[in-house]
Amino acid sequence: MGIFDSLFGGMEGGGKLTSQEAFAGILLGASACDGHIADDEVQGLVTALIRMKLYERMNEKQFNSMLNKLHGVIKKKGVDFLIEGCAAGLPEGLGNTAFANACDIVLADGVVEDDEKQFIENLRRSLKIDSGDAKLIAEIMVVKNKG
């Protein structure tokens, strides 16, 4: 490993993402998949994460550092690269949860653009979620976000 590899850690240094990074990366990817991160998407992302037991031992500094690291991966390598690594590092049993939260974030601004639709489909495939299950999850998130 080179000197610069160790500075970037996680995906870029060849190391494995933590469970927290993998889950948060999927949600951050959902926020960024249309080329910008809207305030309501960030609010939804943070709200979803801080309510989870997965993050209960993480302090604010660690949480912000994690999000900054993931955002750096998006800036350098893109959302698709981040999602591939996060899907591989996601703990078993959290695929549907991550997918539901990603759908919720995409729907937060009330508009689903073509690139967001493509992101959701790519995420479904990366997480190996059955298309029927994914459709049901998406329908529930549409109902949740109406009004």
C-alpha atoms as a PDB file:
ATOM      1  CA  MET A   1       0.000   0.000   0.000  1.00  0.00           C
ATOM      2  CA  GLY A   2       1.362   3.421  -0.976  1.00  0.00           C
ATOM      3  CA  ILE A   3       1.593   6.412   1.298  1.00  0.00           C
ATOM      4  CA  PHE A   4      -1.428   8.108  -0.296  1.00  0.00           C
ATOM      5  CA  ASP A   5      -3.536   4.956  -0.177  1.00  0.00           C
ATOM      6  CA  SER A   6      -3.588   5.006   3.604  1.00  0.00           C
ATOM      7  CA  LEU A   7      -4.758   8.622   3.636  1.00  0.00           C
ATOM      8  CA  PHE A   8      -7.991   7.829   1.837  1.00  0.00           C
ATOM      9  CA  GLY A   9      -8.944   4.600   3.634  1.00  0.00           C
ATOM     10  CA  GLY A  10     -12.130   2.673   2.925  1.00  0.00           C
ATOM     11  CA  MET A  11     -12.901   2.054  -0.707  1.00  0.00           C
ATOM     12  CA  GLU A  12     -10.024   4.012  -2.168  1.00  0.00           C
ATOM     13  CA  GLY A  13      -7.334   2.441  -0.019  1.00  0.00           C
ATOM     14  CA  GLY A  14      -8.576  -1.052  -0.741  1.00  0.00           C
ATOM     15  CA  GLY A  15      -9.956  -1.409   2.778  1.00  0.00           C
ATOM     16  CA  LYS A  16     -13.442  -2.594   3.534  1.00  0.00           C
ATOM     17  CA  LEU A  17     -16.194  -0.159   4.409  1.00  0.00           C
ATOM     18  CA  THR A  18     -17.717  -0.342   7.853  1.00  0.00           C
ATOM     19  CA  SER A  19     -21.378  -1.305   8.142  1.00  0.00           C
ATOM     20  CA  GLN A  20     -22.176   2.304   8.993  1.00  0.00           C
ATOM     21  CA  GLU A  21     -20.299   3.643   5.961  1.00  0.00           C
ATOM     22  CA  ALA A  22     -21.940   1.138   3.613  1.00  0.00           C
ATOM     23  CA  PHE A  23     -25.467   1.990   4.736  1.00  0.00           C
ATOM     24  CA  ALA A  24     -24.861   5.752   4.820  1.00  0.00           C
ATOM     25  CA  GLY A  25     -23.151   5.614   1.423  1.00  0.00           C
ATOM     26  CA  ILE A  26     -26.260   4.168  -0.183  1.00  0.00           C
ATOM     27  CA  LEU A  27     -28.383   6.963   1.262  1.00  0.00           C
ATOM     28  CA  LEU A  28     -25.856   9.618   0.276  1.00  0.00           C
ATOM     29  CA  GLY A  29     -25.799   8.138  -3.228  1.00  0.00           C
ATOM     30  CA  ALA A  30     -29.585   8.479  -3.360  1.00  0.00           C
ATOM     31  CA  SER A  31     -29.220  12.130  -2.397  1.00  0.00           C
ATOM     32  CA  ALA A  32     -26.561  12.806  -5.016  1.00  0.00           C
ATOM     33  CA  CYS A  33     -27.781  10.660  -7.911  1.00  0.00           C
ATOM     34  CA  ASP A  34     -29.390  13.576  -9.757  1.00  0.00           C
ATOM     35  CA  GLY A  35     -26.212  15.657  -9.674  1.00  0.00           C
ATOM     36  CA  HIS A  36     -27.009  17.770  -6.618  1.00  0.00           C
ATOM     37  CA  ILE A  37     -27.878  17.196  -2.991  1.00  0.00           C
ATOM     38  CA  ALA A  38     -31.015  19.073  -1.934  1.00  0.00           C
ATOM     39  CA  ASP A  39     -31.466  20.273   1.642  1.00  0.00           C
ATOM     40  CA  ASP A  40     -34.569  18.115   2.178  1.00  0.00           C
ATOM     41  CA  GLU A  41     -32.637  15.061   0.966  1.00  0.00           C
ATOM     42  CA  VAL A  42     -29.825  15.736   3.434  1.00  0.00           C
ATOM     43  CA  GLN A  43     -32.336  16.243   6.223  1.00  0.00           C
ATOM     44  CA  GLY A  44     -33.996  12.921   5.355  1.00  0.00           C
ATOM     45  CA  LEU A  45     -30.644  11.164   5.207  1.00  0.00           C
ATOM     46  CA  VAL A  46     -29.459  12.442   8.579  1.00  0.00           C
ATOM     47  CA  THR A  47     -32.829  11.775  10.221  1.00  0.00           C
ATOM     48  CA  ALA A  48     -32.911   8.212   8.920  1.00  0.00           C
ATOM     49  CA  LEU A  49     -29.367   7.467  10.032  1.00  0.00           C
ATOM     50  CA  ILE A  50     -29.407   8.939  13.518  1.00  0.00           C
ATOM     51  CA  ARG A  51     -32.540   6.963  14.385  1.00  0.00           C
ATOM     52  CA  MET A  52     -30.850   3.642  13.631  1.00  0.00           C
ATOM     53  CA  LYS A  53     -29.153   1.440  16.210  1.00  0.00           C
ATOM     54  CA  LEU A  54     -26.314   1.055  13.722  1.00  0.00           C
ATOM     55  CA  TYR A  55     -25.210   4.636  14.532  1.00  0.00           C
ATOM     56  CA  GLU A  56     -25.996   4.846  18.258  1.00  0.00           C
ATOM     57  CA  ARG A  57     -22.343   4.625  19.300  1.00  0.00           C
ATOM     58  CA  MET A  58     -21.137   7.166  16.778  1.00  0.00           C
ATOM     59  CA  ASN A  59     -20.502  10.696  18.014  1.00  0.00           C
ATOM     60  CA  GLU A  60     -21.120  13.814  15.931  1.00  0.00           C
ATOM     61  CA  LYS A  61     -17.484  14.139  14.864  1.00  0.00           C
ATOM     62  CA  GLN A  62     -17.341  10.519  13.688  1.00  0.00           C
ATOM     63  CA  PHE A  63     -20.691  10.878  11.920  1.00  0.00           C
ATOM     64  CA  ASN A  64     -19.618  14.017  10.049  1.00  0.00           C
ATOM     65  CA  SER A  65     -16.246  12.495   9.197  1.00  0.00           C
ATOM     66  CA  MET A  66     -17.990   9.446   7.738  1.00  0.00           C
ATOM     67  CA  LEU A  67     -20.303  11.579   5.581  1.00  0.00           C
ATOM     68  CA  ASN A  68     -17.377  13.728   4.405  1.00  0.00           C
ATOM     69  CA  LYS A  69     -15.421  10.602   3.461  1.00  0.00           C
ATOM     70  CA  LEU A  70     -18.359   9.218   1.479  1.00  0.00           C
ATOM     71  CA  HIS A  71     -18.970  12.565  -0.200  1.00  0.00           C
ATOM     72  CA  GLY A  72     -15.294  12.597  -1.196  1.00  0.00           C
ATOM     73  CA  VAL A  73     -15.728   9.206  -2.884  1.00  0.00           C
ATOM     74  CA  ILE A  74     -18.694  10.578  -4.850  1.00  0.00           C
ATOM     75  CA  LYS A  75     -16.684  13.614  -5.950  1.00  0.00           C
ATOM     76  CA  LYS A  76     -13.680  11.525  -7.023  1.00  0.00           C
ATOM     77  CA  LYS A  77     -15.255   8.324  -8.334  1.00  0.00           C
ATOM     78  CA  GLY A  78     -18.988   8.991  -8.768  1.00  0.00           C
ATOM     79  CA  VAL A  79     -22.208   7.676  -7.286  1.00  0.00           C
ATOM     80  CA  ASP A  80     -22.111   4.352  -9.159  1.00  0.00           C
ATOM     81  CA  PHE A  81     -18.670   3.511  -7.776  1.00  0.00           C
ATOM     82  CA  LEU A  82     -19.817   4.365  -4.254  1.00  0.00           C
ATOM     83  CA  ILE A  83     -22.958   2.249  -4.552  1.00  0.00           C
ATOM     84  CA  GLU A  84     -21.058  -0.795  -5.816  1.00  0.00           C
ATOM     85  CA  GLY A  85     -18.746  -0.693  -2.819  1.00  0.00           C
ATOM     86  CA  CYS A  86     -21.532   0.033  -0.361  1.00  0.00           C
ATOM     87  CA  ALA A  87     -23.757  -2.761  -1.643  1.00  0.00           C
ATOM     88  CA  ALA A  88     -20.870  -5.196  -1.221  1.00  0.00           C
ATOM     89  CA  GLY A  89     -20.185  -3.953   2.316  1.00  0.00           C
ATOM     90  CA  LEU A  90     -23.770  -3.785   3.536  1.00  0.00           C
ATOM     91  CA  PRO A  91     -24.530  -6.163   6.411  1.00  0.00           C
ATOM     92  CA  GLU A  92     -26.826  -9.062   5.578  1.00  0.00           C
ATOM     93  CA  GLY A  93     -30.470  -8.276   6.203  1.00  0.00           C
ATOM     94  CA  LEU A  94     -30.187  -4.525   5.606  1.00  0.00           C
ATOM     95  CA  GLY A  95     -30.677  -4.511   1.826  1.00  0.00           C
ATOM     96  CA  ASN A  96     -34.425  -3.861   1.892  1.00  0.00           C
ATOM     97  CA  THR A  97     -33.959  -1.277   4.636  1.00  0.00           C
ATOM     98  CA  ALA A  98     -31.317   0.591   2.656  1.00  0.00           C
ATOM     99  CA  PHE A  99     -33.459   0.392  -0.477  1.00  0.00           C
ATOM    100  CA  ALA A 100     -36.547   1.736   1.318  1.00  0.00           C
ATOM    101  CA  ASN A 101     -34.596   4.633   2.805  1.00  0.00           C
ATOM    102  CA  ALA A 102     -33.009   5.412  -0.578  1.00  0.00           C
ATOM    103  CA  CYS A 103     -36.468   5.502  -2.191  1.00  0.00           C
ATOM    104  CA  ASP A 104     -37.650   7.797   0.594  1.00  0.00           C
ATOM    105  CA  ILE A 105     -34.765  10.198  -0.046  1.00  0.00           C
ATOM    106  CA  VAL A 106     -35.315  10.206  -3.811  1.00  0.00           C
ATOM    107  CA  LEU A 107     -38.992  11.028  -3.237  1.00  0.00           C
ATOM    108  CA  ALA A 108     -38.290  13.757  -0.641  1.00  0.00           C
ATOM    109  CA  ASP A 109     -38.409  16.649  -3.099  1.00  0.00           C
ATOM    110  CA  GLY A 110     -41.609  15.381  -4.729  1.00  0.00           C
ATOM    111  CA  VAL A 111     -40.035  14.888  -8.160  1.00  0.00           C
ATOM    112  CA  VAL A 112     -38.433  11.715  -9.485  1.00  0.00           C
ATOM    113  CA  GLU A 113     -36.166  12.517 -12.394  1.00  0.00           C
ATOM    114  CA  ASP A 114     -34.955   9.973 -14.960  1.00  0.00           C
ATOM    115  CA  ASP A 115     -31.510   9.716 -13.393  1.00  0.00           C
ATOM    116  CA  GLU A 116     -33.124   9.027 -10.012  1.00  0.00           C
ATOM    117  CA  LYS A 117     -35.266   6.275 -11.550  1.00  0.00           C
ATOM    118  CA  GLN A 118     -32.130   4.762 -13.068  1.00  0.00           C
ATOM    119  CA  PHE A 119     -30.337   5.008  -9.720  1.00  0.00           C
ATOM    120  CA  ILE A 120     -33.148   3.155  -7.935  1.00  0.00           C
ATOM    121  CA  GLU A 121     -33.109   0.394 -10.549  1.00  0.00           C
ATOM    122  CA  ASN A 122     -29.316   0.081 -10.359  1.00  0.00           C
ATOM    123  CA  LEU A 123     -29.501   0.011  -6.573  1.00  0.00           C
ATOM    124  CA  ARG A 124     -32.147  -2.715  -6.700  1.00  0.00           C
ATOM    125  CA  ARG A 125     -29.862  -4.836  -8.841  1.00  0.00           C
ATOM    126  CA  SER A 126     -26.778  -4.117  -6.718  1.00  0.00           C
ATOM    127  CA  LEU A 127     -28.629  -5.103  -3.552  1.00  0.00           C
ATOM    128  CA  LYS A 128     -30.142  -8.158  -5.285  1.00  0.00           C
ATOM    129  CA  ILE A 129     -33.678  -7.158  -4.340  1.00  0.00           C
ATOM    130  CA  ASP A 130     -36.491  -8.981  -6.130  1.00  0.00           C
ATOM    131  CA  SER A 131     -38.309  -6.640  -8.541  1.00  0.00           C
ATOM    132  CA  GLY A 132     -41.679  -7.407  -6.889  1.00  0.00           C
ATOM    133  CA  ASP A 133     -40.326  -6.541  -3.451  1.00  0.00           C
ATOM    134  CA  ALA A 134     -38.703  -3.383  -4.824  1.00  0.00           C
ATOM    135  CA  LYS A 135     -41.978  -2.295  -6.432  1.00  0.00           C
ATOM    136  CA  LEU A 136     -43.852  -2.820  -3.164  1.00  0.00           C
ATOM    137  CA  ILE A 137     -41.245  -0.860  -1.208  1.00  0.00           C
ATOM    138  CA  ALA A 138     -41.342   1.983  -3.761  1.00  0.00           C
ATOM    139  CA  GLU A 139     -45.164   2.083  -3.683  1.00  0.00           C
ATOM    140  CA  ILE A 140     -45.130   2.376   0.103  1.00  0.00           C
ATOM    141  CA  MET A 141     -42.584   5.208  -0.060  1.00  0.00           C
ATOM    142  CA  VAL A 142     -44.756   7.025  -2.631  1.00  0.00           C
ATOM    143  CA  VAL A 143     -47.712   6.791  -0.239  1.00  0.00           C
ATOM    144  CA  LYS A 144     -45.503   7.956   2.652  1.00  0.00           C
ATOM    145  CA  ASN A 145     -44.358  11.021   0.727  1.00  0.00           C
ATOM    146  CA  LYS A 146     -47.734  12.153  -0.675  1.00  0.00           C
ATOM    147  CA  GLY A 147     -49.067  15.470   0.454  1.00  0.00           C
END
